[in-house]
Amino acid sequence: MKKTLFLLGCFAFALASCGGSGDTTSTTTQDTNPTVAATTPTTMLAGEKLIAKSDCVGCHNKTQKVVGPSYTEIAAKYESNDANIDLLAGKIISGGSGVWGEVAMTAHASLSKDDAKEMVKYILSLKP
């Protein structure tokens, strides 16, 4: 019963955060700042934007564990290569549990494989 309530609470929190981070200043600055655009790979900007627009922020944070692991924890665990990018993109799309604990990550079936890969590339670029 407690596990069901906890999972429902996580799901409700994720739904509540679907609107993104609400910080349009940093996204707008990245789009219009030629210095940032010239020095930062496009995949990082694309992946970061996709994450900000998704429900990921309800369970994940860049540097601190929330419900799921932080992006830097994920980057520390997985090497950035094609095999891991495919693996993690698949996990984002299909969801699952067991790698980081018993709390299941919600499936994101409507997310394209290409968008999921961009998100993973950004996450893996945060390797400490």
C-alpha atoms as a PDB file:
ATOM      1  CA  MET A   1       0.000   0.000   0.000  1.00  0.00           C
ATOM      2  CA  LYS A   2       2.775   2.454   0.928  1.00  0.00           C
ATOM      3  CA  LYS A   3       4.650   1.611  -2.264  1.00  0.00           C
ATOM      4  CA  THR A   4       1.538   2.284  -4.362  1.00  0.00           C
ATOM      5  CA  LEU A   5       0.950   5.622  -2.648  1.00  0.00           C
ATOM      6  CA  PHE A   6       4.602   6.560  -3.127  1.00  0.00           C
ATOM      7  CA  LEU A   7       4.484   5.689  -6.832  1.00  0.00           C
ATOM      8  CA  LEU A   8       1.236   7.624  -7.271  1.00  0.00           C
ATOM      9  CA  GLY A   9       2.815  10.596  -5.501  1.00  0.00           C
ATOM     10  CA  CYS A  10       5.851  10.436  -7.810  1.00  0.00           C
ATOM     11  CA  PHE A  11       3.578  10.219 -10.842  1.00  0.00           C
ATOM     12  CA  ALA A  12       1.527  13.214  -9.662  1.00  0.00           C
ATOM     13  CA  PHE A  13       4.698  15.197  -9.034  1.00  0.00           C
ATOM     14  CA  ALA A  14       5.988  14.314 -12.515  1.00  0.00           C
ATOM     15  CA  LEU A  15       2.703  15.411 -14.098  1.00  0.00           C
ATOM     16  CA  ALA A  16       2.765  18.670 -12.185  1.00  0.00           C
ATOM     17  CA  SER A  17       6.202  19.434 -13.569  1.00  0.00           C
ATOM     18  CA  CYS A  18       5.306  18.824 -17.230  1.00  0.00           C
ATOM     19  CA  GLY A  19       5.424  22.535 -17.932  1.00  0.00           C
ATOM     20  CA  GLY A  20       9.226  22.541 -17.793  1.00  0.00           C
ATOM     21  CA  SER A  21      11.449  24.577 -15.550  1.00  0.00           C
ATOM     22  CA  GLY A  22       9.656  27.862 -16.183  1.00  0.00           C
ATOM     23  CA  ASP A  23      13.036  29.589 -16.626  1.00  0.00           C
ATOM     24  CA  THR A  24      12.759  30.991 -20.129  1.00  0.00           C
ATOM     25  CA  THR A  25      15.603  33.426 -19.584  1.00  0.00           C
ATOM     26  CA  SER A  26      18.385  30.831 -19.799  1.00  0.00           C
ATOM     27  CA  THR A  27      16.841  29.122 -22.825  1.00  0.00           C
ATOM     28  CA  THR A  28      16.323  32.422 -24.626  1.00  0.00           C
ATOM     29  CA  THR A  29      19.839  33.576 -23.760  1.00  0.00           C
ATOM     30  CA  GLN A  30      21.309  30.385 -25.197  1.00  0.00           C
ATOM     31  CA  ASP A  31      19.375  30.789 -28.436  1.00  0.00           C
ATOM     32  CA  THR A  32      20.307  34.423 -28.994  1.00  0.00           C
ATOM     33  CA  ASN A  33      23.824  34.556 -27.577  1.00  0.00           C
ATOM     34  CA  PRO A  34      26.246  33.952 -30.486  1.00  0.00           C
ATOM     35  CA  THR A  35      29.165  33.304 -28.125  1.00  0.00           C
ATOM     36  CA  VAL A  36      27.347  30.450 -26.392  1.00  0.00           C
ATOM     37  CA  ALA A  37      26.109  29.033 -29.681  1.00  0.00           C
ATOM     38  CA  ALA A  38      29.616  29.172 -31.159  1.00  0.00           C
ATOM     39  CA  THR A  39      31.326  27.438 -28.226  1.00  0.00           C
ATOM     40  CA  THR A  40      28.706  24.887 -27.177  1.00  0.00           C
ATOM     41  CA  PRO A  41      27.860  21.840 -29.316  1.00  0.00           C
ATOM     42  CA  THR A  42      24.347  21.924 -30.778  1.00  0.00           C
ATOM     43  CA  THR A  43      23.509  18.481 -29.312  1.00  0.00           C
ATOM     44  CA  MET A  44      24.078  19.809 -25.798  1.00  0.00           C
ATOM     45  CA  LEU A  45      21.760  22.735 -26.325  1.00  0.00           C
ATOM     46  CA  ALA A  46      19.133  20.547 -27.983  1.00  0.00           C
ATOM     47  CA  GLY A  47      19.288  17.901 -25.246  1.00  0.00           C
ATOM     48  CA  GLU A  48      19.149  20.453 -22.468  1.00  0.00           C
ATOM     49  CA  LYS A  49      16.131  22.156 -24.060  1.00  0.00           C
ATOM     50  CA  LEU A  50      14.319  18.845 -24.527  1.00  0.00           C
ATOM     51  CA  ILE A  51      14.881  17.966 -20.874  1.00  0.00           C
ATOM     52  CA  ALA A  52      13.660  21.376 -19.726  1.00  0.00           C
ATOM     53  CA  LYS A  53      10.436  20.940 -21.716  1.00  0.00           C
ATOM     54  CA  SER A  54       9.819  17.397 -20.450  1.00  0.00           C
ATOM     55  CA  ASP A  55       8.642  15.906 -17.179  1.00  0.00           C
ATOM     56  CA  CYS A  56      12.218  14.794 -16.372  1.00  0.00           C
ATOM     57  CA  VAL A  57      12.662  17.703 -13.968  1.00  0.00           C
ATOM     58  CA  GLY A  58      10.022  16.194 -11.693  1.00  0.00           C
ATOM     59  CA  CYS A  59      12.284  13.302 -10.755  1.00  0.00           C
ATOM     60  CA  HIS A  60      15.802  14.342 -11.806  1.00  0.00           C
ATOM     61  CA  ASN A  61      18.128  17.251 -11.105  1.00  0.00           C
ATOM     62  CA  LYS A  62      21.450  18.152 -12.700  1.00  0.00           C
ATOM     63  CA  THR A  63      23.538  17.634  -9.555  1.00  0.00           C
ATOM     64  CA  GLN A  64      21.318  16.244  -6.770  1.00  0.00           C
ATOM     65  CA  LYS A  65      19.319  13.038  -6.437  1.00  0.00           C
ATOM     66  CA  VAL A  66      15.583  13.731  -6.307  1.00  0.00           C
ATOM     67  CA  VAL A  67      13.387  10.675  -6.956  1.00  0.00           C
ATOM     68  CA  GLY A  68      15.807   9.346  -9.561  1.00  0.00           C
ATOM     69  CA  PRO A  69      19.552   9.848  -9.888  1.00  0.00           C
ATOM     70  CA  SER A  70      21.078  13.196 -10.792  1.00  0.00           C
ATOM     71  CA  TYR A  71      22.306  13.697 -14.337  1.00  0.00           C
ATOM     72  CA  THR A  72      25.885  13.864 -13.072  1.00  0.00           C
ATOM     73  CA  GLU A  73      25.447  10.485 -11.325  1.00  0.00           C
ATOM     74  CA  ILE A  74      24.205   8.997 -14.598  1.00  0.00           C
ATOM     75  CA  ALA A  75      27.129  10.549 -16.488  1.00  0.00           C
ATOM     76  CA  ALA A  76      29.583   9.125 -13.951  1.00  0.00           C
ATOM     77  CA  LYS A  77      28.127   5.621 -14.343  1.00  0.00           C
ATOM     78  CA  TYR A  78      27.936   5.455 -18.155  1.00  0.00           C
ATOM     79  CA  GLU A  79      30.664   6.165 -20.681  1.00  0.00           C
ATOM     80  CA  SER A  80      29.556   8.351 -23.571  1.00  0.00           C
ATOM     81  CA  ASN A  81      29.505   5.973 -26.531  1.00  0.00           C
ATOM     82  CA  ASP A  82      26.954   4.908 -29.151  1.00  0.00           C
ATOM     83  CA  ALA A  83      26.006   1.720 -27.295  1.00  0.00           C
ATOM     84  CA  ASN A  84      25.229   3.537 -24.037  1.00  0.00           C
ATOM     85  CA  ILE A  85      23.442   6.369 -25.830  1.00  0.00           C
ATOM     86  CA  ASP A  86      21.168   3.792 -27.520  1.00  0.00           C
ATOM     87  CA  LEU A  87      20.695   1.884 -24.247  1.00  0.00           C
ATOM     88  CA  LEU A  88      19.768   4.935 -22.191  1.00  0.00           C
ATOM     89  CA  ALA A  89      17.557   6.428 -24.911  1.00  0.00           C
ATOM     90  CA  GLY A  90      15.657   3.131 -24.943  1.00  0.00           C
ATOM     91  CA  LYS A  91      15.277   3.262 -21.150  1.00  0.00           C
ATOM     92  CA  ILE A  92      13.888   6.797 -21.340  1.00  0.00           C
ATOM     93  CA  ILE A  93      11.318   5.704 -23.913  1.00  0.00           C
ATOM     94  CA  SER A  94      10.303   2.395 -22.303  1.00  0.00           C
ATOM     95  CA  GLY A  95      10.813   3.275 -18.614  1.00  0.00           C
ATOM     96  CA  GLY A  96      11.788   0.695 -16.036  1.00  0.00           C
ATOM     97  CA  SER A  97      13.338   0.133 -12.631  1.00  0.00           C
ATOM     98  CA  GLY A  98      16.055  -1.757 -10.835  1.00  0.00           C
ATOM     99  CA  VAL A  99      19.236   0.012 -11.938  1.00  0.00           C
ATOM    100  CA  TRP A 100      18.950   2.933  -9.500  1.00  0.00           C
ATOM    101  CA  GLY A 101      16.483   1.428  -7.030  1.00  0.00           C
ATOM    102  CA  GLU A 102      12.945   0.140  -6.929  1.00  0.00           C
ATOM    103  CA  VAL A 103      11.111   3.320  -7.975  1.00  0.00           C
ATOM    104  CA  ALA A 104      10.115   2.894 -11.609  1.00  0.00           C
ATOM    105  CA  MET A 105      10.852   5.556 -14.192  1.00  0.00           C
ATOM    106  CA  THR A 106       7.767   6.435 -16.196  1.00  0.00           C
ATOM    107  CA  ALA A 107       7.826   5.421 -19.858  1.00  0.00           C
ATOM    108  CA  HIS A 108       8.008   8.228 -22.406  1.00  0.00           C
ATOM    109  CA  ALA A 109       6.585   6.350 -25.374  1.00  0.00           C
ATOM    110  CA  SER A 110       5.675   9.509 -27.288  1.00  0.00           C
ATOM    111  CA  LEU A 111       9.304  10.677 -27.287  1.00  0.00           C
ATOM    112  CA  SER A 112      11.188  10.003 -30.517  1.00  0.00           C
ATOM    113  CA  LYS A 113      14.374   7.941 -30.410  1.00  0.00           C
ATOM    114  CA  ASP A 114      16.321  10.895 -31.850  1.00  0.00           C
ATOM    115  CA  ASP A 115      15.067  13.276 -29.144  1.00  0.00           C
ATOM    116  CA  ALA A 116      15.843  10.720 -26.423  1.00  0.00           C
ATOM    117  CA  LYS A 117      19.379  10.360 -27.833  1.00  0.00           C
ATOM    118  CA  GLU A 118      19.880  14.143 -27.735  1.00  0.00           C
ATOM    119  CA  MET A 119      18.809  14.148 -24.085  1.00  0.00           C
ATOM    120  CA  VAL A 120      21.218  11.317 -23.272  1.00  0.00           C
ATOM    121  CA  LYS A 121      24.100  13.025 -25.086  1.00  0.00           C
ATOM    122  CA  TYR A 122      23.547  16.114 -22.977  1.00  0.00           C
ATOM    123  CA  ILE A 123      23.329  14.092 -19.740  1.00  0.00           C
ATOM    124  CA  LEU A 124      26.494  12.144 -20.522  1.00  0.00           C
ATOM    125  CA  SER A 125      28.320  15.390 -21.307  1.00  0.00           C
ATOM    126  CA  LEU A 126      27.967  16.287 -17.609  1.00  0.00           C
ATOM    127  CA  LYS A 127      30.560  13.702 -16.563  1.00  0.00           C
ATOM    128  CA  PRO A 128      32.241  15.029 -13.409  1.00  0.00           C
END
